[in-house]
Amino acid sequence: MNITPNPFTDILIVDLIEADNFPVDLIILDTNEKEVYRNRIFTTKKIIDVSNVKEGTYRITMLDDGKLLYEGIFSKV
C-alpha cells in the first residue's frame, strides 16, 4: 500500500496493491483529530482531490472492514 506524494498539494495518489477486499475507507484527520476527509475506495488505484483541505499536518488512515491497514503522517503545503 502506498500513498503519495508527501508532502501533498491538491491530490493524493492511493495504490492499494495489498488490500484483500473492497471497499477500503480512507480517512484524513487534522492535528485535533477532527475528520476533514473521508472516502470509500473501490479500486486498487485512486487519485483523490484534496484541494479543499487546508495546509497543515494530517494523519491518514485506511481501514478494511474496520481493520487498520495503513496509518501515516502527511503534510499539505
N, C-alpha and C. Protein backbone atom coordinates (compact mmCIF):
# COMPACT_ATOMS: atom_id res chain seq x y z
N MET A 1 0.84 -1.17 0.00
CA MET A 1 0.00 0.00 0.00
C MET A 1 0.89 1.23 0.00
N ASN A 2 0.48 2.22 -0.78
CA ASN A 2 1.30 3.40 -0.92
C ASN A 2 0.39 4.61 -1.13
N ILE A 3 0.71 5.70 -0.42
CA ILE A 3 0.01 6.97 -0.62
C ILE A 3 1.08 8.00 -0.93
N THR A 4 0.94 8.69 -2.06
CA THR A 4 1.92 9.70 -2.47
C THR A 4 1.18 10.92 -2.98
N PRO A 5 1.80 12.07 -3.10
CA PRO A 5 3.12 12.43 -2.58
C PRO A 5 3.04 12.88 -1.12
N ASN A 6 4.16 13.03 -0.49
CA ASN A 6 4.23 13.58 0.86
C ASN A 6 5.47 14.45 0.93
N PRO A 7 5.28 15.77 1.02
CA PRO A 7 4.03 16.50 1.23
C PRO A 7 3.16 16.52 -0.03
N PHE A 8 1.86 16.82 0.17
CA PHE A 8 0.93 16.87 -0.95
C PHE A 8 0.39 18.29 -1.12
N THR A 9 -0.19 18.54 -2.29
CA THR A 9 -0.80 19.85 -2.55
C THR A 9 -2.30 19.66 -2.76
N ASP A 10 -2.70 19.31 -3.97
CA ASP A 10 -4.13 19.20 -4.27
C ASP A 10 -4.62 17.78 -4.52
N ILE A 11 -3.69 16.82 -4.69
CA ILE A 11 -4.10 15.44 -4.94
C ILE A 11 -3.28 14.47 -4.10
N LEU A 12 -3.89 13.33 -3.81
CA LEU A 12 -3.20 12.18 -3.23
C LEU A 12 -3.42 11.00 -4.17
N ILE A 13 -2.39 10.21 -4.37
CA ILE A 13 -2.50 9.01 -5.19
C ILE A 13 -2.40 7.81 -4.25
N VAL A 14 -3.44 6.99 -4.27
CA VAL A 14 -3.52 5.83 -3.39
C VAL A 14 -3.38 4.57 -4.23
N ASP A 15 -2.41 3.73 -3.85
CA ASP A 15 -2.18 2.45 -4.53
C ASP A 15 -2.42 1.35 -3.51
N LEU A 16 -3.45 0.54 -3.73
CA LEU A 16 -3.89 -0.46 -2.76
C LEU A 16 -3.55 -1.88 -3.18
N ILE A 17 -2.34 -2.12 -3.56
CA ILE A 17 -1.96 -3.44 -4.05
C ILE A 17 -2.08 -4.53 -2.99
N GLU A 18 -2.09 -4.16 -1.69
CA GLU A 18 -2.15 -5.16 -0.63
C GLU A 18 -3.54 -5.36 -0.04
N ALA A 19 -4.54 -4.64 -0.50
CA ALA A 19 -5.88 -4.76 0.07
C ALA A 19 -6.49 -6.11 -0.30
N ASP A 20 -7.06 -6.77 0.69
CA ASP A 20 -7.67 -8.08 0.46
C ASP A 20 -9.03 -7.97 -0.21
N ASN A 21 -9.79 -6.99 0.19
CA ASN A 21 -11.11 -6.81 -0.42
C ASN A 21 -11.50 -5.34 -0.37
N PHE A 22 -12.55 -5.03 -1.05
CA PHE A 22 -13.01 -3.65 -1.16
C PHE A 22 -14.44 -3.58 -0.68
N PRO A 23 -14.90 -2.44 -0.23
CA PRO A 23 -14.23 -1.15 -0.25
C PRO A 23 -13.28 -0.97 0.93
N VAL A 24 -12.41 0.04 0.80
CA VAL A 24 -11.48 0.45 1.83
C VAL A 24 -11.79 1.91 2.16
N ASP A 25 -11.82 2.25 3.43
CA ASP A 25 -12.10 3.63 3.84
C ASP A 25 -10.81 4.39 4.07
N LEU A 26 -10.68 5.56 3.43
CA LEU A 26 -9.56 6.45 3.64
C LEU A 26 -10.07 7.63 4.45
N ILE A 27 -9.39 7.92 5.57
CA ILE A 27 -9.82 8.98 6.47
C ILE A 27 -8.63 9.90 6.73
N ILE A 28 -8.87 11.21 6.63
CA ILE A 28 -7.84 12.20 6.93
C ILE A 28 -8.29 12.98 8.16
N LEU A 29 -7.41 12.99 9.18
CA LEU A 29 -7.68 13.69 10.44
C LEU A 29 -6.65 14.80 10.63
N ASP A 30 -7.12 15.97 11.13
CA ASP A 30 -6.18 17.05 11.42
C ASP A 30 -5.51 16.81 12.77
N THR A 31 -4.69 17.74 13.21
CA THR A 31 -3.94 17.55 14.46
C THR A 31 -4.83 17.55 15.69
N ASN A 32 -6.07 18.01 15.55
CA ASN A 32 -7.04 17.97 16.65
C ASN A 32 -7.94 16.73 16.58
N GLU A 33 -7.57 15.78 15.70
CA GLU A 33 -8.33 14.53 15.49
C GLU A 33 -9.70 14.78 14.86
N LYS A 34 -9.88 15.94 14.24
CA LYS A 34 -11.12 16.24 13.52
C LYS A 34 -11.02 15.64 12.12
N GLU A 35 -12.07 14.92 11.74
CA GLU A 35 -12.11 14.33 10.40
C GLU A 35 -12.34 15.43 9.38
N VAL A 36 -11.40 15.57 8.44
CA VAL A 36 -11.53 16.58 7.40
C VAL A 36 -11.84 15.98 6.03
N TYR A 37 -11.68 14.65 5.93
CA TYR A 37 -11.95 14.00 4.65
C TYR A 37 -12.20 12.52 4.90
N ARG A 38 -13.15 11.97 4.16
CA ARG A 38 -13.41 10.53 4.19
C ARG A 38 -13.84 10.12 2.79
N ASN A 39 -13.31 8.98 2.34
CA ASN A 39 -13.67 8.48 1.02
C ASN A 39 -13.63 6.96 1.06
N ARG A 40 -14.59 6.34 0.44
CA ARG A 40 -14.61 4.89 0.30
C ARG A 40 -14.03 4.56 -1.07
N ILE A 41 -13.02 3.69 -1.08
CA ILE A 41 -12.28 3.37 -2.30
C ILE A 41 -12.65 1.96 -2.75
N PHE A 42 -12.97 1.83 -4.03
CA PHE A 42 -13.42 0.55 -4.59
C PHE A 42 -12.46 -0.04 -5.61
N THR A 43 -11.32 0.64 -5.86
CA THR A 43 -10.37 0.18 -6.87
C THR A 43 -8.96 0.13 -6.30
N THR A 44 -8.04 -0.53 -6.99
CA THR A 44 -6.67 -0.67 -6.49
C THR A 44 -5.86 0.62 -6.61
N LYS A 45 -6.25 1.52 -7.50
CA LYS A 45 -5.53 2.79 -7.65
C LYS A 45 -6.55 3.90 -7.76
N LYS A 46 -6.32 4.98 -7.00
CA LYS A 46 -7.29 6.08 -6.98
C LYS A 46 -6.54 7.39 -6.82
N ILE A 47 -6.94 8.39 -7.59
CA ILE A 47 -6.45 9.76 -7.43
C ILE A 47 -7.54 10.54 -6.71
N ILE A 48 -7.16 11.14 -5.58
CA ILE A 48 -8.13 11.81 -4.72
C ILE A 48 -7.85 13.31 -4.70
N ASP A 49 -8.89 14.09 -4.96
CA ASP A 49 -8.81 15.55 -4.91
C ASP A 49 -8.94 16.00 -3.46
N VAL A 50 -7.88 16.57 -2.92
CA VAL A 50 -7.89 17.10 -1.55
C VAL A 50 -7.58 18.59 -1.56
N SER A 51 -7.97 19.26 -2.62
CA SER A 51 -7.69 20.70 -2.76
C SER A 51 -8.41 21.53 -1.71
N ASN A 52 -9.51 21.02 -1.16
CA ASN A 52 -10.25 21.78 -0.15
C ASN A 52 -9.69 21.60 1.25
N VAL A 53 -8.68 20.75 1.44
CA VAL A 53 -8.03 20.55 2.74
C VAL A 53 -7.00 21.66 2.92
N LYS A 54 -7.01 22.30 4.10
CA LYS A 54 -6.09 23.41 4.38
C LYS A 54 -4.67 22.90 4.60
N GLU A 55 -3.69 23.81 4.45
CA GLU A 55 -2.30 23.47 4.71
C GLU A 55 -2.14 23.04 6.16
N GLY A 56 -1.27 22.06 6.39
CA GLY A 56 -1.03 21.59 7.75
C GLY A 56 -0.59 20.15 7.77
N THR A 57 -0.57 19.58 8.97
CA THR A 57 -0.16 18.20 9.19
C THR A 57 -1.39 17.35 9.44
N TYR A 58 -1.43 16.17 8.83
CA TYR A 58 -2.59 15.30 8.90
C TYR A 58 -2.19 13.86 9.13
N ARG A 59 -3.07 13.12 9.78
CA ARG A 59 -2.92 11.68 9.92
C ARG A 59 -3.88 11.03 8.93
N ILE A 60 -3.34 10.17 8.08
CA ILE A 60 -4.15 9.47 7.10
C ILE A 60 -4.22 8.01 7.51
N THR A 61 -5.44 7.50 7.63
CA THR A 61 -5.63 6.09 7.97
C THR A 61 -6.46 5.43 6.89
N MET A 62 -6.22 4.14 6.72
CA MET A 62 -7.01 3.34 5.79
C MET A 62 -7.51 2.13 6.54
N LEU A 63 -8.81 1.88 6.42
CA LEU A 63 -9.45 0.78 7.12
C LEU A 63 -10.10 -0.17 6.13
N ASP A 64 -9.94 -1.46 6.40
CA ASP A 64 -10.59 -2.50 5.61
C ASP A 64 -11.55 -3.22 6.56
N ASP A 65 -12.83 -2.92 6.45
CA ASP A 65 -13.85 -3.51 7.31
C ASP A 65 -13.51 -3.30 8.80
N GLY A 66 -13.06 -2.09 9.12
CA GLY A 66 -12.73 -1.74 10.49
C GLY A 66 -11.32 -2.10 10.92
N LYS A 67 -10.60 -2.87 10.11
CA LYS A 67 -9.23 -3.28 10.43
C LYS A 67 -8.26 -2.26 9.85
N LEU A 68 -7.32 -1.79 10.70
CA LEU A 68 -6.35 -0.80 10.27
C LEU A 68 -5.38 -1.42 9.27
N LEU A 69 -5.33 -0.84 8.05
CA LEU A 69 -4.40 -1.29 7.02
C LEU A 69 -3.17 -0.41 6.93
N TYR A 70 -3.38 0.88 7.21
CA TYR A 70 -2.31 1.84 7.00
C TYR A 70 -2.57 3.06 7.86
N GLU A 71 -1.48 3.64 8.37
CA GLU A 71 -1.57 4.91 9.07
C GLU A 71 -0.27 5.66 8.85
N GLY A 72 -0.38 6.93 8.50
CA GLY A 72 0.81 7.74 8.26
C GLY A 72 0.54 9.20 8.49
N ILE A 73 1.62 9.95 8.68
CA ILE A 73 1.55 11.40 8.88
C ILE A 73 1.95 12.06 7.56
N PHE A 74 1.11 12.99 7.11
CA PHE A 74 1.33 13.69 5.86
C PHE A 74 1.20 15.19 6.08
N SER A 75 1.83 15.95 5.19
CA SER A 75 1.75 17.41 5.26
C SER A 75 1.16 17.95 3.97
N LYS A 76 0.26 18.91 4.12
CA LYS A 76 -0.29 19.64 2.96
C LYS A 76 0.42 20.96 2.89
N VAL A 77 0.96 21.28 1.71
CA VAL A 77 1.68 22.53 1.51
C VAL A 77 0.99 23.38 0.46
